[in-house]
Amino acid sequence: MALSLILHDLSGLTPDDQKRFFEAIFQIAPGHWQVAPGATLAETGVSPAYLRDHLLKAVPPAQRAGTRLLVTRTSPDTAWHALSPEGEDWLREMMAEG
């Protein structure tokens, strides 16, 4: 499965709406890791456009227009710095599988 990076600004959502957003990620991505408050990596076989649309469905209609998302696949030459040891191990494992 491919590894996708989801950049998200959920500042306009209530805590319950944010919970539903992350549950939507968990539904579609068996492997996932929240790198930072606005960034999540997800292992999934769906396209970035499909993943974006799936996530937007979890956002209340009135908040969709202001919820910023960027979903893109990572490449084999992905680079990183200063990740936690657990996060780096997870990322290396996902990159090896992809």
N, C-alpha and C. Protein backbone atom coordinates (compact mmCIF):
# COMPACT_ATOMS: atom_id res chain seq x y z
N MET A 1 0.83 -1.18 0.00
CA MET A 1 0.00 0.00 0.00
C MET A 1 0.88 1.24 0.00
N ALA A 2 0.33 2.30 -0.53
CA ALA A 2 1.07 3.56 -0.61
C ALA A 2 0.98 4.31 0.71
N LEU A 3 1.96 5.15 0.93
CA LEU A 3 1.99 6.00 2.11
C LEU A 3 1.64 7.42 1.68
N SER A 4 0.62 7.99 2.30
CA SER A 4 0.18 9.34 1.97
C SER A 4 0.41 10.27 3.15
N LEU A 5 0.76 11.51 2.82
CA LEU A 5 0.90 12.55 3.83
C LEU A 5 -0.35 13.42 3.76
N ILE A 6 -1.00 13.59 4.91
CA ILE A 6 -2.20 14.41 5.00
C ILE A 6 -1.84 15.62 5.86
N LEU A 7 -1.87 16.80 5.25
CA LEU A 7 -1.70 18.04 6.00
C LEU A 7 -3.09 18.59 6.24
N HIS A 8 -3.40 18.92 7.49
CA HIS A 8 -4.77 19.32 7.83
C HIS A 8 -4.77 20.46 8.84
N ASP A 9 -5.68 21.40 8.61
CA ASP A 9 -5.93 22.48 9.55
C ASP A 9 -7.34 22.29 10.06
N LEU A 10 -7.45 21.78 11.27
CA LEU A 10 -8.76 21.47 11.85
C LEU A 10 -9.17 22.50 12.89
N SER A 11 -8.54 23.66 12.85
CA SER A 11 -8.78 24.68 13.88
C SER A 11 -10.22 25.17 13.92
N GLY A 12 -10.95 25.05 12.84
CA GLY A 12 -12.34 25.49 12.81
C GLY A 12 -13.33 24.43 13.25
N LEU A 13 -12.83 23.27 13.66
CA LEU A 13 -13.71 22.16 14.03
C LEU A 13 -13.80 22.00 15.54
N THR A 14 -14.93 21.50 16.00
CA THR A 14 -15.09 21.18 17.42
C THR A 14 -14.27 19.93 17.72
N PRO A 15 -14.00 19.66 19.00
CA PRO A 15 -13.29 18.42 19.34
C PRO A 15 -14.00 17.16 18.81
N ASP A 16 -15.33 17.13 18.86
CA ASP A 16 -16.07 15.97 18.34
C ASP A 16 -15.88 15.83 16.84
N ASP A 17 -15.89 16.97 16.12
CA ASP A 17 -15.68 16.93 14.67
C ASP A 17 -14.25 16.48 14.34
N GLN A 18 -13.29 16.94 15.14
CA GLN A 18 -11.90 16.51 14.93
C GLN A 18 -11.78 15.01 15.17
N LYS A 19 -12.46 14.50 16.17
CA LYS A 19 -12.45 13.06 16.45
C LYS A 19 -13.01 12.28 15.26
N ARG A 20 -14.11 12.77 14.68
CA ARG A 20 -14.69 12.10 13.51
C ARG A 20 -13.73 12.14 12.32
N PHE A 21 -13.01 13.24 12.17
CA PHE A 21 -12.03 13.36 11.09
C PHE A 21 -10.96 12.27 11.23
N PHE A 22 -10.41 12.12 12.43
CA PHE A 22 -9.38 11.10 12.63
C PHE A 22 -9.95 9.69 12.54
N GLU A 23 -11.17 9.48 12.97
CA GLU A 23 -11.80 8.17 12.80
C GLU A 23 -11.94 7.84 11.32
N ALA A 24 -12.18 8.85 10.49
CA ALA A 24 -12.26 8.62 9.04
C ALA A 24 -10.91 8.19 8.49
N ILE A 25 -9.82 8.74 9.03
CA ILE A 25 -8.49 8.28 8.62
C ILE A 25 -8.31 6.82 9.02
N PHE A 26 -8.64 6.50 10.27
CA PHE A 26 -8.44 5.15 10.79
C PHE A 26 -9.26 4.12 10.02
N GLN A 27 -10.44 4.54 9.54
CA GLN A 27 -11.31 3.65 8.76
C GLN A 27 -10.64 3.19 7.47
N ILE A 28 -9.95 4.09 6.82
CA ILE A 28 -9.46 3.83 5.48
C ILE A 28 -7.96 3.50 5.44
N ALA A 29 -7.27 3.74 6.54
CA ALA A 29 -5.82 3.53 6.58
C ALA A 29 -5.45 2.63 7.75
N PRO A 30 -5.12 1.37 7.47
CA PRO A 30 -4.78 0.46 8.57
C PRO A 30 -3.55 0.92 9.35
N GLY A 31 -2.60 1.52 8.65
CA GLY A 31 -1.41 2.07 9.31
C GLY A 31 -1.46 3.57 9.22
N HIS A 32 -1.28 4.25 10.35
CA HIS A 32 -1.30 5.71 10.35
C HIS A 32 -0.48 6.21 11.54
N TRP A 33 0.02 7.42 11.39
CA TRP A 33 0.81 8.03 12.46
C TRP A 33 0.67 9.53 12.36
N GLN A 34 0.29 10.17 13.46
CA GLN A 34 0.19 11.62 13.48
C GLN A 34 1.57 12.17 13.79
N VAL A 35 2.21 12.71 12.76
CA VAL A 35 3.58 13.23 12.85
C VAL A 35 3.62 14.49 13.72
N ALA A 36 2.63 15.35 13.54
CA ALA A 36 2.53 16.63 14.25
C ALA A 36 1.04 16.98 14.30
N PRO A 37 0.66 18.00 15.06
CA PRO A 37 -0.77 18.33 15.14
C PRO A 37 -1.45 18.56 13.79
N GLY A 38 -0.75 19.01 12.79
CA GLY A 38 -1.36 19.26 11.49
C GLY A 38 -0.91 18.33 10.39
N ALA A 39 -0.30 17.21 10.76
CA ALA A 39 0.24 16.30 9.74
C ALA A 39 0.09 14.85 10.18
N THR A 40 -0.48 14.04 9.28
CA THR A 40 -0.66 12.63 9.55
C THR A 40 -0.20 11.83 8.34
N LEU A 41 0.55 10.77 8.59
CA LEU A 41 0.91 9.82 7.54
C LEU A 41 -0.06 8.66 7.61
N ALA A 42 -0.49 8.19 6.43
CA ALA A 42 -1.47 7.11 6.38
C ALA A 42 -1.07 6.11 5.30
N GLU A 43 -1.08 4.84 5.67
CA GLU A 43 -0.82 3.76 4.71
C GLU A 43 -2.17 3.34 4.15
N THR A 44 -2.37 3.55 2.86
CA THR A 44 -3.67 3.26 2.26
C THR A 44 -3.52 2.95 0.78
N GLY A 45 -4.43 2.18 0.26
CA GLY A 45 -4.41 1.83 -1.16
C GLY A 45 -5.25 2.76 -2.01
N VAL A 46 -5.88 3.77 -1.41
CA VAL A 46 -6.72 4.68 -2.19
C VAL A 46 -5.91 5.87 -2.68
N SER A 47 -6.43 6.53 -3.70
CA SER A 47 -5.74 7.70 -4.26
C SER A 47 -5.83 8.88 -3.31
N PRO A 48 -4.93 9.86 -3.45
CA PRO A 48 -5.03 11.06 -2.63
C PRO A 48 -6.38 11.78 -2.79
N ALA A 49 -6.92 11.84 -4.00
CA ALA A 49 -8.21 12.50 -4.22
C ALA A 49 -9.33 11.76 -3.49
N TYR A 50 -9.32 10.44 -3.54
CA TYR A 50 -10.33 9.66 -2.84
C TYR A 50 -10.20 9.87 -1.33
N LEU A 51 -8.98 9.85 -0.83
CA LEU A 51 -8.76 10.04 0.60
C LEU A 51 -9.23 11.43 1.03
N ARG A 52 -8.92 12.46 0.25
CA ARG A 52 -9.39 13.82 0.55
C ARG A 52 -10.91 13.86 0.63
N ASP A 53 -11.56 13.29 -0.38
CA ASP A 53 -13.03 13.30 -0.41
C ASP A 53 -13.62 12.54 0.77
N HIS A 54 -13.01 11.42 1.11
CA HIS A 54 -13.46 10.61 2.25
C HIS A 54 -13.34 11.42 3.55
N LEU A 55 -12.24 12.11 3.72
CA LEU A 55 -12.04 12.90 4.93
C LEU A 55 -13.00 14.09 5.00
N LEU A 56 -13.24 14.72 3.88
CA LEU A 56 -14.17 15.86 3.88
C LEU A 56 -15.59 15.44 4.24
N LYS A 57 -15.96 14.22 3.91
CA LYS A 57 -17.29 13.74 4.28
C LYS A 57 -17.45 13.65 5.80
N ALA A 58 -16.34 13.53 6.53
CA ALA A 58 -16.39 13.46 7.99
C ALA A 58 -16.52 14.84 8.63
N VAL A 59 -16.31 15.89 7.83
CA VAL A 59 -16.39 17.27 8.32
C VAL A 59 -17.82 17.78 8.10
N PRO A 60 -18.41 18.44 9.09
CA PRO A 60 -19.76 18.98 8.89
C PRO A 60 -19.81 19.89 7.66
N PRO A 61 -20.88 19.82 6.89
CA PRO A 61 -20.96 20.61 5.66
C PRO A 61 -20.66 22.10 5.84
N ALA A 62 -21.10 22.68 6.94
CA ALA A 62 -20.87 24.12 7.15
C ALA A 62 -19.39 24.46 7.34
N GLN A 63 -18.56 23.48 7.73
CA GLN A 63 -17.14 23.73 7.96
C GLN A 63 -16.24 23.26 6.82
N ARG A 64 -16.77 22.58 5.84
CA ARG A 64 -15.95 22.01 4.77
C ARG A 64 -15.17 23.05 3.99
N ALA A 65 -15.80 24.17 3.66
CA ALA A 65 -15.15 25.18 2.83
C ALA A 65 -13.90 25.74 3.50
N GLY A 66 -13.88 25.83 4.83
CA GLY A 66 -12.74 26.40 5.53
C GLY A 66 -11.74 25.39 6.07
N THR A 67 -11.97 24.11 5.84
CA THR A 67 -11.07 23.08 6.34
C THR A 67 -10.00 22.80 5.29
N ARG A 68 -8.79 23.25 5.57
CA ARG A 68 -7.69 23.09 4.61
C ARG A 68 -7.09 21.70 4.71
N LEU A 69 -6.96 21.06 3.56
CA LEU A 69 -6.37 19.72 3.46
C LEU A 69 -5.42 19.67 2.27
N LEU A 70 -4.35 18.96 2.43
CA LEU A 70 -3.47 18.62 1.33
C LEU A 70 -3.13 17.15 1.51
N VAL A 71 -3.41 16.35 0.51
CA VAL A 71 -3.13 14.92 0.57
C VAL A 71 -2.23 14.56 -0.61
N THR A 72 -1.09 13.97 -0.31
CA THR A 72 -0.16 13.59 -1.37
C THR A 72 0.55 12.31 -0.99
N ARG A 73 0.95 11.55 -1.98
CA ARG A 73 1.72 10.33 -1.71
C ARG A 73 3.17 10.68 -1.43
N THR A 74 3.79 9.91 -0.57
CA THR A 74 5.22 10.10 -0.33
C THR A 74 5.99 9.37 -1.42
N SER A 75 7.21 9.78 -1.62
CA SER A 75 8.03 9.16 -2.65
C SER A 75 9.11 8.30 -1.98
N PRO A 76 9.74 7.42 -2.75
CA PRO A 76 10.78 6.56 -2.17
C PRO A 76 11.97 7.34 -1.59
N ASP A 77 12.18 8.56 -2.05
CA ASP A 77 13.30 9.34 -1.53
C ASP A 77 12.87 10.34 -0.45
N THR A 78 11.78 10.04 0.24
CA THR A 78 11.31 10.88 1.34
C THR A 78 12.42 11.05 2.37
N ALA A 79 12.57 12.26 2.85
CA ALA A 79 13.59 12.55 3.87
C ALA A 79 12.91 13.17 5.08
N TRP A 80 13.53 13.03 6.25
CA TRP A 80 12.97 13.57 7.47
C TRP A 80 14.08 13.90 8.43
N HIS A 81 13.70 14.61 9.50
CA HIS A 81 14.66 15.01 10.53
C HIS A 81 13.93 15.16 11.86
N ALA A 82 14.56 14.74 12.91
CA ALA A 82 14.11 14.95 14.30
C ALA A 82 12.76 14.31 14.62
N LEU A 83 12.47 13.19 14.00
CA LEU A 83 11.27 12.43 14.37
C LEU A 83 11.58 11.62 15.62
N SER A 84 10.54 11.24 16.34
CA SER A 84 10.76 10.37 17.49
C SER A 84 11.31 9.03 17.00
N PRO A 85 12.06 8.31 17.83
CA PRO A 85 12.57 7.00 17.41
C PRO A 85 11.44 6.05 16.98
N GLU A 86 10.32 6.07 17.71
CA GLU A 86 9.20 5.21 17.34
C GLU A 86 8.62 5.61 15.99
N GLY A 87 8.48 6.90 15.78
CA GLY A 87 7.96 7.41 14.51
C GLY A 87 8.89 7.09 13.35
N GLU A 88 10.17 7.24 13.58
CA GLU A 88 11.13 6.94 12.52
C GLU A 88 11.11 5.45 12.19
N ASP A 89 11.01 4.60 13.20
CA ASP A 89 10.91 3.16 12.95
C ASP A 89 9.65 2.83 12.15
N TRP A 90 8.52 3.44 12.53
CA TRP A 90 7.27 3.21 11.82
C TRP A 90 7.40 3.65 10.37
N LEU A 91 7.97 4.84 10.16
CA LEU A 91 8.11 5.37 8.81
C LEU A 91 9.02 4.49 7.97
N ARG A 92 10.13 4.06 8.52
CA ARG A 92 11.04 3.16 7.77
C ARG A 92 10.32 1.87 7.39
N GLU A 93 9.55 1.31 8.31
CA GLU A 93 8.81 0.08 8.03
C GLU A 93 7.80 0.30 6.90
N MET A 94 7.06 1.40 6.98
CA MET A 94 6.06 1.69 5.93
C MET A 94 6.72 1.93 4.58
N MET A 95 7.85 2.63 4.58
CA MET A 95 8.55 2.90 3.32
C MET A 95 9.09 1.60 2.72
N ALA A 96 9.52 0.67 3.56
CA ALA A 96 10.04 -0.61 3.07
C ALA A 96 8.91 -1.45 2.46
N GLU A 97 7.71 -1.35 3.04
CA GLU A 97 6.57 -2.13 2.53
C GLU A 97 6.03 -1.56 1.23
N GLY A 98 6.12 -0.22 1.10
CA GLY A 98 5.53 0.45 -0.05
C GLY A 98 6.33 0.24 -1.28
